[in-house]
Amino acid sequence: MIRILLVDDEAPARDRLRRLLGELEGVEVVGEAGDGRAALAAIAEMEPDLLLLDIRMPGMDGMETAKHLATLPDPPRVIFTTAYGEHALEAFEAEAIDYLVKPVRKERLQQALQRLEKRTPAQMMEAARVEGPAHLTVKKHGRMELLPIDEILYFQADNKYVSAYLAEREELLEETLKQLEEMLGDRVIRIHRNALVTRSALVGMEKDREGVQHATLREIGRGPEISRRLVPEIRRLLKEID
C-alpha cells in the first residue's frame, strides 16, 4: 500500500487527485496540505511514501519543499503536479518520479505510481539515464508544455516540420526525426524516411488498396506508410514482439 500526501494550495485540485486515487488499488491518501510548510509538518506526523506535490504555491513552493525533503534521512518520493511546463527540467533534477501536467488524467497518474512500485530510487535514476526523457516539450500559446512520450504513437515529417501523433491529436515539434531517433533509441522504430513509430504502439501491418504496407498502431489502427525496403525488417520485429 502506497501512503500518499496531497500537497496543493487549491482545494479543487486536491479533490480531483483524491477522487482519481480512490479509483486505483494499492494506494491510500493519508493527508493533505495547502503549502510546503504544512507538507513538511505533515510528513513528520504521517510518514507518507509519496507526495503529489504542486509546484506553484504561495509561500514555500514545490521546488523549495523538494529541497527540504532531500535533507531528510528517509524522504518520501515526489511526483510533481503543475499546470505549467517550464519547470520540467528542475523537476527531474530534483529526482522526481514523474511530472504530471494538470488537469491530471487517471492513466498518467497510474503510470507514475507504477514507476514507484517497480523501482527503487537508485533504479529510477539509472532508468532515466538509460531510457532517456519521459517527455518532449512543445510550444503552445507562448509557453512550454510537456508531451508524455508514452502517449505518442508515431512521428512524421512533412517538409521541414515534424509532428507527434497521439490517439486524439497531433503536436508540432522542434526536433528533427534524426534527433528524435537518437534521443529515444530503441523506443522508436524507423519505418520510412519520413516516419518513426513508437515500439509500444506497433501491433501489426496491413496493405492498402494499392498494395502499400502501413503500420497498424494501437488505438488508431492504420498508421503511416512502411517503406518497401523496410517491410521485411518490420515483419521480423513484429514476430519478436509476438
Protein backbone atom coordinates (compact mmCIF):
# COMPACT_ATOMS: atom_id res chain seq x y z
CA MET A 1 0.00 0.00 0.00
CA ILE A 2 1.44 3.38 -1.07
CA ARG A 3 0.74 6.10 1.51
CA ILE A 4 0.21 9.43 -0.27
CA LEU A 5 0.18 13.04 0.91
CA LEU A 6 -1.56 15.54 -1.39
CA VAL A 7 0.09 18.98 -1.47
CA ASP A 8 -1.64 21.75 -3.42
CA ASP A 9 -2.87 25.22 -2.46
CA GLU A 10 -6.09 24.70 -4.45
CA ALA A 11 -8.72 22.52 -2.79
CA PRO A 12 -10.38 21.52 -6.12
CA ALA A 13 -7.04 20.17 -7.35
CA ARG A 14 -6.63 18.11 -4.17
CA ASP A 15 -10.21 16.87 -4.51
CA ARG A 16 -9.57 15.74 -8.09
CA LEU A 17 -6.44 13.83 -7.10
CA ARG A 18 -8.22 12.21 -4.16
CA ARG A 19 -11.04 11.11 -6.47
CA LEU A 20 -8.64 9.67 -9.06
CA LEU A 21 -6.64 7.86 -6.41
CA GLY A 22 -9.87 6.46 -5.00
CA GLU A 23 -10.33 4.63 -8.31
CA LEU A 24 -6.92 2.93 -8.06
CA GLU A 25 -5.84 -0.05 -6.00
CA GLY A 26 -2.88 -0.20 -3.65
CA VAL A 27 -2.91 3.47 -2.62
CA GLU A 28 -4.07 5.37 0.45
CA VAL A 29 -4.36 9.13 0.86
CA VAL A 30 -3.11 9.77 4.40
CA GLY A 31 -3.49 13.55 4.37
CA GLU A 32 -3.49 16.88 2.59
CA ALA A 33 -1.52 20.11 2.83
CA GLY A 34 -2.04 23.53 1.26
CA ASP A 35 1.59 24.64 1.08
CA GLY A 36 5.15 23.45 1.56
CA ARG A 37 5.46 24.28 5.24
CA ALA A 38 2.29 22.39 6.07
CA ALA A 39 3.54 19.49 3.96
CA LEU A 40 6.81 19.23 5.89
CA ALA A 41 4.91 19.21 9.18
CA ALA A 42 2.52 16.55 7.87
CA ILE A 43 5.40 14.34 6.70
CA ALA A 44 6.81 14.14 10.20
CA GLU A 45 3.41 13.11 11.54
CA MET A 46 2.03 10.88 8.77
CA GLU A 47 5.19 9.36 7.24
CA PRO A 48 3.88 9.13 3.66
CA ASP A 49 5.69 7.13 0.98
CA LEU A 50 4.88 9.66 -1.71
CA LEU A 51 3.98 13.33 -2.19
CA LEU A 52 1.83 14.53 -5.06
CA LEU A 53 3.35 17.97 -4.93
CA ASP A 54 2.20 21.10 -6.72
CA ILE A 55 5.00 23.38 -7.89
CA ARG A 56 3.38 26.83 -7.84
CA MET A 57 2.14 27.57 -4.34
CA PRO A 58 2.29 30.73 -2.21
CA GLY A 59 4.95 30.82 0.47
CA MET A 60 7.09 27.71 0.19
CA ASP A 61 6.57 26.35 -3.32
CA GLY A 62 7.03 22.78 -4.51
CA MET A 63 10.66 23.15 -5.59
CA GLU A 64 11.73 24.58 -2.25
CA THR A 65 9.77 21.85 -0.48
CA ALA A 66 11.61 19.20 -2.52
CA LYS A 67 14.96 20.71 -1.49
CA HIS A 68 13.97 20.39 2.16
CA LEU A 69 12.87 16.80 1.58
CA ALA A 70 16.31 15.97 0.23
CA THR A 71 17.81 16.70 3.65
CA LEU A 72 15.68 14.08 5.40
CA PRO A 73 17.27 10.71 6.22
CA ASP A 74 14.48 8.74 4.51
CA PRO A 75 12.46 11.20 2.41
CA PRO A 76 9.22 10.30 0.65
CA ARG A 77 9.33 10.17 -3.14
CA VAL A 78 7.83 13.03 -5.16
CA ILE A 79 5.56 13.31 -8.18
CA PHE A 80 5.19 16.95 -9.20
CA THR A 81 1.84 18.26 -10.44
CA THR A 82 1.52 21.60 -12.18
CA ALA A 83 -0.31 23.50 -14.88
CA TYR A 84 2.97 24.83 -16.24
CA GLY A 85 5.59 23.03 -18.30
CA GLU A 86 8.57 25.30 -17.80
CA HIS A 87 9.65 23.61 -14.56
CA ALA A 88 10.18 20.19 -16.13
CA LEU A 89 13.98 20.26 -16.05
CA GLU A 90 14.06 21.41 -12.44
CA ALA A 91 11.60 18.69 -11.52
CA PHE A 92 13.74 15.90 -12.89
CA GLU A 93 16.89 17.42 -11.39
CA ALA A 94 15.06 17.13 -8.07
CA GLU A 95 14.86 13.36 -8.77
CA ALA A 96 11.09 13.35 -9.01
CA ILE A 97 9.46 10.10 -10.09
CA ASP A 98 7.36 11.91 -12.64
CA TYR A 99 5.91 15.26 -13.65
CA LEU A 100 2.17 15.44 -14.27
CA VAL A 101 0.57 18.33 -16.10
CA LYS A 102 -2.85 19.46 -14.88
CA PRO A 103 -5.56 18.51 -15.31
CA VAL A 104 -4.06 15.20 -14.21
CA ARG A 105 -5.50 12.21 -16.04
CA LYS A 106 -6.09 8.86 -14.39
CA GLU A 107 -3.95 6.95 -16.90
CA ARG A 108 -0.91 9.19 -16.41
CA LEU A 109 -1.29 9.08 -12.64
CA GLN A 110 -1.42 5.30 -12.72
CA GLN A 111 1.71 5.16 -14.90
CA ALA A 112 3.59 7.36 -12.44
CA LEU A 113 2.54 5.22 -9.48
CA GLN A 114 3.63 2.06 -11.28
CA ARG A 115 7.11 3.54 -11.61
CA LEU A 116 7.24 3.98 -7.87
CA GLU A 117 6.08 0.41 -7.24
CA LYS A 118 8.58 -1.18 -9.58
CA ARG A 119 11.78 0.72 -8.88
CA THR A 120 13.92 1.90 -6.03
CA PRO A 121 15.24 5.50 -6.13
CA ALA A 122 18.59 4.25 -7.43
CA GLN A 123 16.85 2.23 -10.15
CA MET A 124 14.79 5.27 -11.11
CA MET A 125 17.91 7.37 -11.62
CA GLU A 126 19.57 4.63 -13.69
CA ALA A 127 16.43 4.16 -15.79
CA ALA A 128 16.28 7.88 -16.52
CA ARG A 129 19.88 7.75 -17.71
CA VAL A 130 19.40 4.68 -19.90
CA GLU A 131 15.87 5.21 -21.21
CA GLY A 132 16.12 8.91 -21.94
CA PRO A 133 13.45 11.53 -21.30
CA ALA A 134 9.89 10.71 -20.31
CA HIS A 135 8.55 13.85 -22.01
CA LEU A 136 9.08 16.10 -25.00
CA THR A 137 8.41 19.81 -24.81
CA VAL A 138 6.12 21.67 -27.21
CA LYS A 139 5.47 25.39 -27.51
CA LYS A 140 1.80 26.31 -27.28
CA HIS A 141 0.28 29.76 -26.83
CA GLY A 142 3.63 31.25 -25.87
CA ARG A 143 4.54 28.73 -23.19
CA MET A 144 6.12 25.31 -22.95
CA GLU A 145 4.07 22.20 -22.32
CA LEU A 146 5.13 18.63 -21.68
CA LEU A 147 4.17 15.82 -24.03
CA PRO A 148 4.42 12.35 -22.42
CA ILE A 149 6.38 10.08 -24.76
CA ASP A 150 4.38 7.06 -23.58
CA GLU A 151 1.29 8.57 -25.23
CA ILE A 152 2.89 9.19 -28.64
CA LEU A 153 2.03 6.66 -31.36
CA TYR A 154 4.24 7.91 -34.17
CA PHE A 155 6.28 10.81 -35.53
CA GLN A 156 6.04 12.02 -39.12
CA ALA A 157 7.93 14.63 -41.09
CA ASP A 158 6.22 16.87 -43.64
CA ASN A 159 8.69 19.11 -45.46
CA LYS A 160 10.57 20.97 -42.70
CA TYR A 161 8.16 20.10 -39.90
CA VAL A 162 7.82 17.06 -37.65
CA SER A 163 4.63 16.21 -35.80
CA ALA A 164 4.00 13.81 -32.92
CA TYR A 165 0.73 11.92 -33.31
CA LEU A 166 -1.26 10.82 -30.28
CA ALA A 167 -4.59 8.97 -30.28
CA GLU A 168 -6.71 12.11 -30.49
CA ARG A 169 -4.39 14.92 -31.50
CA GLU A 170 -1.08 15.91 -33.06
CA GLU A 171 1.59 18.30 -31.82
CA LEU A 172 4.22 20.17 -33.81
CA LEU A 173 7.78 19.56 -32.61
CA GLU A 174 11.05 21.42 -32.98
CA GLU A 175 13.17 18.25 -33.18
CA THR A 176 14.03 16.51 -36.46
CA LEU A 177 13.29 12.81 -36.97
CA LYS A 178 17.01 12.09 -36.73
CA GLN A 179 17.24 13.90 -33.39
CA LEU A 180 14.20 12.01 -32.08
CA GLU A 181 15.68 8.71 -33.23
CA GLU A 182 18.94 9.45 -31.42
CA MET A 183 17.15 10.68 -28.30
CA LEU A 184 14.67 7.81 -27.98
CA GLY A 185 16.81 4.93 -29.23
CA ASP A 186 15.06 1.54 -29.13
CA ARG A 187 11.79 3.15 -28.06
CA VAL A 188 11.12 4.10 -31.69
CA ILE A 189 11.30 2.17 -34.96
CA ARG A 190 12.12 3.72 -38.33
CA ILE A 191 9.50 2.59 -40.86
CA HIS A 192 10.05 5.21 -43.56
CA ARG A 193 12.44 8.06 -44.29
CA ASN A 194 9.68 10.38 -43.06
CA ALA A 195 8.23 8.34 -40.17
CA LEU A 196 9.05 6.74 -36.82
CA VAL A 197 6.62 4.66 -34.77
CA THR A 198 6.93 4.01 -31.06
CA ARG A 199 7.71 0.38 -30.36
CA SER A 200 4.99 0.10 -27.73
CA ALA A 201 2.37 1.30 -30.24
CA LEU A 202 3.21 -1.05 -33.11
CA VAL A 203 0.84 -4.03 -33.28
CA GLY A 204 0.89 -5.08 -36.94
CA MET A 205 0.98 -4.08 -40.58
CA GLU A 206 -1.61 -4.04 -43.37
CA LYS A 207 -1.82 -3.30 -47.09
CA ASP A 208 -3.96 -0.61 -48.63
CA ARG A 209 -5.79 -0.98 -51.96
CA GLU A 210 -2.63 -0.09 -53.87
CA GLY A 211 -0.64 -2.79 -52.10
CA VAL A 212 1.31 -0.34 -49.95
CA GLN A 213 2.07 -1.58 -46.43
CA HIS A 214 1.14 0.59 -43.44
CA ALA A 215 1.91 0.22 -39.75
CA THR A 216 -1.02 -0.83 -37.59
CA LEU A 217 -0.97 1.04 -34.30
CA ARG A 218 -2.87 0.62 -31.06
CA GLU A 219 -5.84 2.95 -30.58
CA ILE A 220 -5.91 4.27 -34.16
CA GLY A 221 -5.43 1.27 -36.47
CA ARG A 222 -3.76 2.16 -39.77
CA GLY A 223 -0.80 4.46 -39.38
CA PRO A 224 1.92 5.78 -41.70
CA GLU A 225 3.32 4.00 -44.74
CA ILE A 226 6.16 1.50 -44.37
CA SER A 227 8.98 1.86 -46.85
CA ARG A 228 9.17 -1.16 -49.19
CA ARG A 229 12.77 -1.86 -48.27
CA LEU A 230 11.91 -1.85 -44.55
CA VAL A 231 8.91 -4.21 -44.77
CA PRO A 232 10.98 -7.39 -44.10
CA GLU A 233 12.58 -5.81 -41.04
CA ILE A 234 9.25 -4.62 -39.63
CA ARG A 235 7.76 -8.08 -40.23
CA ARG A 236 10.66 -9.61 -38.31
CA LEU A 237 10.25 -7.14 -35.44
CA LEU A 238 6.55 -7.95 -35.21
CA LYS A 239 7.35 -11.64 -34.83
CA GLU A 240 9.72 -10.77 -31.98
CA ILE A 241 7.05 -8.65 -30.31
CA ASP A 242 4.56 -11.52 -30.53
